[in-house]
């Protein structure tokens, strides 16, 4: 485990928030890629 973590440790609120932000950014990025791809397909 990273930084010597031992076993299942309860995530702090900050870690949960960071994880949530990362997931949202990934979803937004994937959504933008799909939107631009669909836009290119429908425009042609």
C-alpha atoms as a PDB file:
ATOM      1  CA  UNK A   1       0.000   0.000   0.000  1.00  0.00           C
ATOM      2  CA  UNK A   2       1.109   3.544  -0.610  1.00  0.00           C
ATOM      3  CA  UNK A   3       2.677   5.472   2.277  1.00  0.00           C
ATOM      4  CA  UNK A   4       2.579   2.441   4.567  1.00  0.00           C
ATOM      5  CA  UNK A   5      -1.207   2.195   4.832  1.00  0.00           C
ATOM      6  CA  UNK A   6      -2.197  -0.877   6.783  1.00  0.00           C
ATOM      7  CA  UNK A   7      -5.472  -2.536   5.848  1.00  0.00           C
ATOM      8  CA  UNK A   8      -8.784  -0.822   5.199  1.00  0.00           C
ATOM      9  CA  UNK A   9      -8.536   2.755   6.464  1.00  0.00           C
ATOM     10  CA  UNK A  10     -11.556   5.039   6.620  1.00  0.00           C
ATOM     11  CA  UNK A  11     -11.340   7.649   3.911  1.00  0.00           C
ATOM     12  CA  UNK A  12     -11.319  11.260   5.038  1.00  0.00           C
ATOM     13  CA  UNK A  13     -13.856  13.743   3.704  1.00  0.00           C
ATOM     14  CA  UNK A  14     -11.085  15.364   1.684  1.00  0.00           C
ATOM     15  CA  UNK A  15     -10.220  12.060  -0.006  1.00  0.00           C
ATOM     16  CA  UNK A  16     -13.870  11.425  -0.839  1.00  0.00           C
ATOM     17  CA  UNK A  17     -14.217  14.939  -2.263  1.00  0.00           C
ATOM     18  CA  UNK A  18     -11.063  14.525  -4.344  1.00  0.00           C
ATOM     19  CA  UNK A  19     -12.264  11.173  -5.688  1.00  0.00           C
ATOM     20  CA  UNK A  20     -15.655  12.672  -6.528  1.00  0.00           C
ATOM     21  CA  UNK A  21     -14.050  15.595  -8.380  1.00  0.00           C
ATOM     22  CA  UNK A  22     -11.815  13.231 -10.370  1.00  0.00           C
ATOM     23  CA  UNK A  23     -14.798  11.061 -11.367  1.00  0.00           C
ATOM     24  CA  UNK A  24     -16.825  14.120 -12.412  1.00  0.00           C
ATOM     25  CA  UNK A  25     -13.915  15.418 -14.506  1.00  0.00           C
ATOM     26  CA  UNK A  26     -13.564  12.024 -16.199  1.00  0.00           C
ATOM     27  CA  UNK A  27     -17.289  11.921 -16.980  1.00  0.00           C
ATOM     28  CA  UNK A  28     -17.217  15.464 -18.357  1.00  0.00           C
ATOM     29  CA  UNK A  29     -14.173  14.659 -20.504  1.00  0.00           C
ATOM     30  CA  UNK A  30     -15.719  11.470 -21.910  1.00  0.00           C
ATOM     31  CA  UNK A  31     -19.003  13.299 -22.463  1.00  0.00           C
ATOM     32  CA  UNK A  32     -17.231  16.072 -24.381  1.00  0.00           C
ATOM     33  CA  UNK A  33     -15.438  13.509 -26.561  1.00  0.00           C
ATOM     34  CA  UNK A  34     -18.726  11.755 -27.365  1.00  0.00           C
ATOM     35  CA  UNK A  35     -20.469  15.078 -28.024  1.00  0.00           C
ATOM     36  CA  UNK A  36     -17.781  16.228 -30.463  1.00  0.00           C
ATOM     37  CA  UNK A  37     -17.776  12.820 -32.178  1.00  0.00           C
ATOM     38  CA  UNK A  38     -21.575  12.847 -32.555  1.00  0.00           C
ATOM     39  CA  UNK A  39     -21.439  16.447 -33.741  1.00  0.00           C
ATOM     40  CA  UNK A  40     -18.862  15.537 -36.387  1.00  0.00           C
ATOM     41  CA  UNK A  41     -20.921  12.551 -37.512  1.00  0.00           C
ATOM     42  CA  UNK A  42     -24.198  14.452 -37.742  1.00  0.00           C
ATOM     43  CA  UNK A  43     -22.554  17.408 -39.512  1.00  0.00           C
ATOM     44  CA  UNK A  44     -21.111  15.255 -42.289  1.00  0.00           C
END
